[in-house]
Amino acid sequence: MRLPIIKQLVRFINEKDEDFIHETIETLEELSLNETLKDEELDVLGELISNLHGAIAVSESIGNGVSEREALNAFMKRVMGSIDKN
C-alpha cells in the first residue's frame, strides 16, 4: 500500500466518480487471470488492486464525516494490524 497513491485516488474519486475505480479493479482482476503473467507482474497488479480498494475505503470514511487524515491513518492501522496477525 502506498499512501501517496491512495491519496491521489481519493482525489480522483472526489473529482470524478467511484465507479471508475470499481471498473478499473474489475479490469485488473481480469488481467490477473492471464496464465502467462510472471510473478512480478502479478505482484504489481495485486499492489494496484490493493491501492484501489484502499482508496475506496478511505473515500467512504471521508464520506461518513471523517477527516482525510484520520481516514488515511485509520486505514493504514487496519492494514498494519492485519499484516501483524499473519
Protein backbone atom coordinates (compact mmCIF):
# COMPACT_ATOMS: atom_id res chain seq x y z
CA MET A 1 0.00 0.00 0.00
CA ARG A 2 1.28 3.38 -0.93
CA LEU A 3 -0.30 6.32 0.86
CA PRO A 4 0.51 8.90 -1.85
CA ILE A 5 -1.20 6.72 -4.45
CA ILE A 6 -4.24 6.20 -2.22
CA LYS A 7 -4.46 9.96 -1.57
CA GLN A 8 -4.33 10.67 -5.31
CA LEU A 9 -7.00 8.07 -5.99
CA VAL A 10 -9.22 9.57 -3.27
CA ARG A 11 -8.91 12.94 -5.03
CA PHE A 12 -9.80 11.23 -8.30
CA ILE A 13 -12.89 9.70 -6.70
CA ASN A 14 -13.93 13.12 -5.39
CA GLU A 15 -13.43 14.77 -8.78
CA LYS A 16 -14.87 12.02 -10.97
CA ASP A 17 -16.76 9.01 -9.69
CA GLU A 18 -16.05 5.90 -7.63
CA ASP A 19 -17.43 3.76 -10.46
CA PHE A 20 -14.24 4.36 -12.45
CA ILE A 21 -12.26 2.77 -9.62
CA HIS A 22 -14.57 -0.24 -9.42
CA GLU A 23 -14.29 -0.76 -13.18
CA THR A 24 -10.51 -0.49 -13.01
CA ILE A 25 -10.42 -3.11 -10.24
CA GLU A 26 -12.54 -5.45 -12.36
CA THR A 27 -10.24 -4.93 -15.34
CA LEU A 28 -7.07 -5.56 -13.35
CA GLU A 29 -8.59 -8.65 -11.71
CA GLU A 30 -9.45 -9.99 -15.16
CA LEU A 31 -5.90 -9.34 -16.35
CA SER A 32 -4.51 -11.18 -13.34
CA LEU A 33 -6.17 -14.37 -14.59
CA ASN A 34 -3.81 -14.48 -17.57
CA GLU A 35 -1.70 -17.59 -17.12
CA THR A 36 1.32 -16.14 -18.94
CA LEU A 37 1.96 -13.42 -16.36
CA LYS A 38 5.14 -13.64 -14.35
CA ASP A 39 5.12 -13.46 -10.55
CA GLU A 40 6.49 -9.91 -10.63
CA GLU A 41 3.68 -8.81 -12.94
CA LEU A 42 1.09 -10.40 -10.68
CA ASP A 43 2.64 -8.61 -7.72
CA VAL A 44 2.27 -5.26 -9.50
CA LEU A 45 -1.35 -5.98 -10.38
CA GLY A 46 -2.03 -7.03 -6.78
CA GLU A 47 -0.45 -3.85 -5.43
CA LEU A 48 -2.53 -1.71 -7.78
CA ILE A 49 -5.72 -3.53 -6.82
CA SER A 50 -4.91 -3.12 -3.13
CA ASN A 51 -4.34 0.62 -3.54
CA LEU A 52 -7.62 0.98 -5.44
CA HIS A 53 -9.54 -0.86 -2.70
CA GLY A 54 -7.78 1.27 -0.10
CA ALA A 55 -8.84 4.45 -1.86
CA ILE A 56 -12.45 3.31 -1.88
CA ALA A 57 -12.33 2.53 1.84
CA VAL A 58 -10.75 5.90 2.67
CA SER A 59 -13.20 7.74 0.43
CA GLU A 60 -16.14 6.03 2.16
CA SER A 61 -14.79 7.06 5.57
CA ILE A 62 -14.44 10.64 4.40
CA GLY A 63 -18.00 10.46 3.09
CA ASN A 64 -19.06 9.43 6.61
CA GLY A 65 -17.60 12.62 8.04
CA VAL A 66 -14.10 11.52 8.98
CA SER A 67 -11.28 13.88 8.01
CA GLU A 68 -8.96 12.72 5.23
CA ARG A 69 -6.03 12.48 7.60
CA GLU A 70 -7.98 10.43 10.15
CA ALA A 71 -9.41 8.20 7.43
CA LEU A 72 -5.95 7.52 6.00
CA ASN A 73 -4.47 6.85 9.43
CA ALA A 74 -7.31 4.50 10.40
CA PHE A 75 -7.00 2.62 7.13
CA MET A 76 -3.24 2.19 7.48
CA LYS A 77 -3.67 1.00 11.08
CA ARG A 78 -6.15 -1.64 9.84
CA VAL A 79 -3.71 -2.73 7.16
CA MET A 80 -0.78 -2.91 9.56
CA GLY A 81 -2.95 -4.75 12.09
CA SER A 82 -3.90 -7.36 9.51
CA ILE A 83 -0.26 -7.80 8.49
CA ASP A 84 0.80 -8.25 12.12
CA LYS A 85 -1.76 -11.04 12.57
CA ASN A 86 -0.26 -13.12 9.73
